[in-house]
Amino acid sequence: MAESDNKSANVLAQETAQLEEQLQGWREVILAGDRVLRWEKPWFPGALIGAITVVFLLIYYLDPSVLTGLSCTVMLLCLADYFVPTLALKVFGSNKWTTEQQQRFHEICNNLVKSERRVIGWWKRLCSLKEEKPKVYFASVISGLLAVAWIGQQVHNLFLTYLIVSFLLLLPGLNQHGVISKYAAMAKREINKLLKQKEKKTQ
């Protein structure tokens, strides 16, 4: 057991080091984005929502086709991938990089690798559920997809995308400031109360 844990830790460290190397040119930008996403200043959430709103209003106004939107997105990503590392080196300079920044950059890369592993783990669990309990898999997947299809039918595509993107970008800040844990604890207490009331009724 200890050997497998050590092996897993070594693989995690290796994958984190590889990701750090790949994102070397983006490290200053990633740290700046991390500060915004974790709401280090009180006006960051408002600025984040404002920026997202402007982008989606622009998309709504221009109303591009799917192919045009996809092409423009990929083009912007390619331009960013080409220019950002060069500009970041000129703006920030490599000699200003501190050990504290390196530590935070390492933590971000480590969290990204762990998140990727979590997603792969969920996918593997879903595949194992399909093999072990095909009826449960079928019922849960179909009901989940039906619920998503119904939501998609009720809400406009662009507005739904706006809500999803806003939630995902606000999630790190909500988590950092304990908002999610607070409401999750409240929901847990309410569910426990309902379960206790049901137990009393059955008795």
Protein backbone atom coordinates (compact mmCIF):
# COMPACT_ATOMS: atom_id res chain seq x y z
CA MET A 1 0.00 0.00 0.00
CA ALA A 2 2.81 2.40 0.94
CA GLU A 3 4.66 1.49 -2.26
CA SER A 4 1.62 2.28 -4.44
CA ASP A 5 1.15 5.60 -2.59
CA ASN A 6 4.80 6.51 -3.17
CA LYS A 7 4.52 5.51 -6.83
CA SER A 8 1.36 7.62 -7.22
CA ALA A 9 3.05 10.60 -5.51
CA ASN A 10 6.08 10.24 -7.80
CA VAL A 11 3.89 10.12 -10.91
CA LEU A 12 1.98 13.19 -9.66
CA ALA A 13 5.23 15.08 -9.08
CA GLN A 14 6.50 14.08 -12.52
CA GLU A 15 3.29 15.17 -14.26
CA THR A 16 3.31 18.47 -12.32
CA ALA A 17 6.92 19.13 -13.37
CA GLN A 18 6.03 18.42 -17.01
CA LEU A 19 3.06 20.80 -16.86
CA GLU A 20 5.22 23.50 -15.23
CA GLU A 21 7.70 23.15 -18.08
CA GLN A 22 4.93 23.38 -20.70
CA LEU A 23 3.39 26.49 -19.08
CA GLN A 24 6.73 28.21 -18.39
CA GLY A 25 6.02 31.09 -20.79
CA TRP A 26 2.56 31.63 -19.30
CA ARG A 27 3.53 31.60 -15.61
CA GLU A 28 3.14 35.37 -14.97
CA VAL A 29 -0.22 35.45 -16.78
CA ILE A 30 -1.39 32.35 -14.89
CA LEU A 31 -0.47 33.92 -11.53
CA ALA A 32 -2.29 37.15 -12.45
CA GLY A 33 -5.36 35.13 -13.52
CA ASP A 34 -5.16 33.10 -10.31
CA ARG A 35 -5.21 36.30 -8.20
CA VAL A 36 -8.34 37.49 -10.06
CA LEU A 37 -10.11 34.11 -9.85
CA ARG A 38 -9.42 33.85 -6.09
CA TRP A 39 -10.68 37.44 -5.51
CA GLU A 40 -7.56 38.81 -3.82
CA LYS A 41 -9.15 42.28 -4.09
CA PRO A 42 -12.84 42.96 -3.34
CA TRP A 43 -13.55 44.46 -6.78
CA PHE A 44 -12.24 41.42 -8.70
CA PRO A 45 -15.63 39.54 -8.82
CA GLY A 46 -17.36 42.61 -10.28
CA ALA A 47 -14.60 43.10 -12.85
CA LEU A 48 -14.78 39.41 -13.77
CA ILE A 49 -18.55 39.47 -14.27
CA GLY A 50 -18.24 42.76 -16.21
CA ALA A 51 -15.63 41.29 -18.57
CA ILE A 52 -17.69 38.12 -19.16
CA THR A 53 -20.82 40.21 -19.79
CA VAL A 54 -19.02 42.43 -22.34
CA VAL A 55 -17.70 39.37 -24.21
CA PHE A 56 -21.14 37.71 -24.34
CA LEU A 57 -22.88 40.96 -25.34
CA LEU A 58 -20.36 41.26 -28.17
CA ILE A 59 -21.11 37.69 -29.28
CA TYR A 60 -24.84 38.43 -29.06
CA TYR A 61 -24.45 41.62 -31.11
CA LEU A 62 -22.24 40.07 -33.80
CA ASP A 63 -24.26 36.83 -33.84
CA PRO A 64 -21.56 34.73 -35.58
CA SER A 65 -22.27 31.29 -37.01
CA VAL A 66 -20.92 28.24 -35.16
CA LEU A 67 -18.11 27.79 -37.69
CA THR A 68 -17.11 31.49 -37.55
CA GLY A 69 -17.20 31.50 -33.74
CA LEU A 70 -15.09 28.34 -33.55
CA SER A 71 -12.58 29.66 -36.10
CA CYS A 72 -12.23 33.01 -34.27
CA THR A 73 -11.79 31.27 -30.90
CA VAL A 74 -9.07 28.95 -32.23
CA MET A 75 -7.40 31.88 -34.00
CA LEU A 76 -7.33 33.93 -30.76
CA LEU A 77 -5.89 30.95 -28.88
CA CYS A 78 -3.16 30.52 -31.52
CA LEU A 79 -2.30 34.23 -31.39
CA ALA A 80 -2.19 34.15 -27.58
CA ASP A 81 -0.01 31.03 -27.63
CA TYR A 82 2.42 32.77 -29.98
CA PHE A 83 2.54 36.27 -28.47
CA VAL A 84 1.91 35.86 -24.72
CA PRO A 85 5.18 34.06 -23.77
CA THR A 86 7.26 36.67 -25.65
CA LEU A 87 5.34 39.68 -24.29
CA ALA A 88 5.27 38.25 -20.74
CA LEU A 89 9.06 37.89 -20.80
CA LYS A 90 9.47 41.53 -21.92
CA VAL A 91 6.86 42.97 -19.53
CA PHE A 92 7.64 41.00 -16.37
CA GLY A 93 11.24 39.91 -16.95
CA SER A 94 12.68 36.61 -15.76
CA ASN A 95 14.78 38.19 -12.94
CA LYS A 96 11.65 39.40 -11.06
CA TRP A 97 10.41 35.84 -10.46
CA THR A 98 10.50 35.03 -6.72
CA THR A 99 10.48 31.74 -4.82
CA GLU A 100 7.02 32.59 -3.44
CA GLN A 101 5.69 33.00 -6.98
CA GLN A 102 7.35 29.73 -8.01
CA GLN A 103 5.69 27.97 -5.06
CA ARG A 104 2.24 29.31 -6.04
CA PHE A 105 2.83 28.39 -9.69
CA HIS A 106 3.78 24.86 -8.57
CA GLU A 107 0.56 24.65 -6.48
CA ILE A 108 -1.57 25.75 -9.46
CA CYS A 109 0.05 23.16 -11.77
CA ASN A 110 -0.36 20.50 -9.07
CA ASN A 111 -4.07 21.37 -8.70
CA LEU A 112 -4.54 21.22 -12.48
CA VAL A 113 -2.97 17.75 -12.63
CA LYS A 114 -5.15 16.59 -9.71
CA SER A 115 -8.27 17.98 -11.43
CA GLU A 116 -7.37 16.11 -14.62
CA ARG A 117 -6.91 12.91 -12.61
CA ARG A 118 -10.30 13.47 -10.91
CA VAL A 119 -12.06 13.82 -14.29
CA ILE A 120 -10.35 10.63 -15.54
CA GLY A 121 -11.36 8.89 -12.28
CA TRP A 122 -15.02 9.89 -12.74
CA TRP A 123 -14.93 8.64 -16.31
CA LYS A 124 -13.44 5.30 -15.18
CA ARG A 125 -16.10 4.98 -12.47
CA LEU A 126 -18.80 5.61 -15.08
CA CYS A 127 -17.27 2.93 -17.34
CA SER A 128 -17.09 0.46 -14.44
CA LEU A 129 -20.74 1.27 -13.54
CA LYS A 130 -21.69 0.45 -17.14
CA GLU A 131 -20.03 -2.97 -16.82
CA GLU A 132 -21.17 -3.80 -13.26
CA LYS A 133 -24.66 -2.25 -13.20
CA PRO A 134 -25.81 -1.59 -16.79
CA LYS A 135 -29.43 -0.81 -15.78
CA VAL A 136 -28.39 1.80 -13.20
CA TYR A 137 -25.92 3.28 -15.72
CA PHE A 138 -28.58 3.44 -18.44
CA ALA A 139 -31.22 4.99 -16.14
CA SER A 140 -28.87 7.60 -14.64
CA VAL A 141 -27.29 8.63 -17.97
CA ILE A 142 -30.62 8.87 -19.83
CA SER A 143 -32.34 10.80 -17.00
CA GLY A 144 -29.34 13.16 -16.71
CA LEU A 145 -29.28 13.81 -20.46
CA LEU A 146 -33.06 14.34 -20.52
CA ALA A 147 -32.75 16.91 -17.71
CA VAL A 148 -29.96 18.73 -19.57
CA ALA A 149 -31.98 18.64 -22.82
CA TRP A 150 -35.03 20.08 -21.02
CA ILE A 151 -32.94 22.89 -19.47
CA GLY A 152 -31.42 23.61 -22.89
CA GLN A 153 -34.91 23.85 -24.39
CA GLN A 154 -36.15 26.25 -21.69
CA VAL A 155 -33.16 28.63 -21.61
CA HIS A 156 -31.55 30.45 -24.56
CA ASN A 157 -28.25 28.81 -25.65
CA LEU A 158 -26.11 31.93 -25.28
CA PHE A 159 -27.62 32.90 -21.91
CA LEU A 160 -27.14 29.34 -20.62
CA THR A 161 -23.51 29.40 -21.78
CA TYR A 162 -23.09 32.79 -20.08
CA LEU A 163 -24.42 31.38 -16.79
CA ILE A 164 -22.17 28.29 -17.00
CA VAL A 165 -19.03 30.30 -17.85
CA SER A 166 -19.80 32.86 -15.10
CA PHE A 167 -20.30 30.10 -12.52
CA LEU A 168 -17.09 28.26 -13.52
CA LEU A 169 -15.01 31.46 -13.38
CA LEU A 170 -16.52 32.51 -10.04
CA LEU A 171 -16.14 29.01 -8.55
CA PRO A 172 -12.49 29.37 -7.37
CA GLY A 173 -13.32 32.64 -5.58
CA LEU A 174 -16.49 31.21 -4.03
CA ASN A 175 -14.47 28.22 -2.84
CA GLN A 176 -11.61 30.38 -1.54
CA HIS A 177 -13.97 32.59 0.50
CA GLY A 178 -15.88 29.63 1.96
CA VAL A 179 -19.21 30.43 0.28
CA ILE A 180 -19.63 26.94 -1.21
CA SER A 181 -18.77 25.11 2.04
CA LYS A 182 -21.18 27.40 3.94
CA TYR A 183 -24.16 26.68 1.67
CA ALA A 184 -23.22 23.00 1.34
CA ALA A 185 -23.28 22.71 5.15
CA MET A 186 -26.68 24.47 5.23
CA ALA A 187 -28.07 22.08 2.61
CA LYS A 188 -26.66 19.10 4.54
CA ARG A 189 -28.36 20.29 7.76
CA GLU A 190 -31.71 20.69 5.97
CA ILE A 191 -31.45 17.21 4.42
CA ASN A 192 -30.59 15.71 7.83
CA LYS A 193 -33.63 17.46 9.37
CA LEU A 194 -35.91 16.04 6.66
CA LEU A 195 -34.47 12.54 7.17
CA LYS A 196 -34.98 12.77 10.96
CA GLN A 197 -38.58 13.92 10.47
CA LYS A 198 -39.22 10.94 8.16
CA GLU A 199 -37.71 8.56 10.74
CA LYS A 200 -39.97 9.97 13.47
CA LYS A 201 -43.04 9.56 11.24
CA THR A 202 -42.18 5.95 10.43
CA GLN A 203 -41.69 5.18 14.14
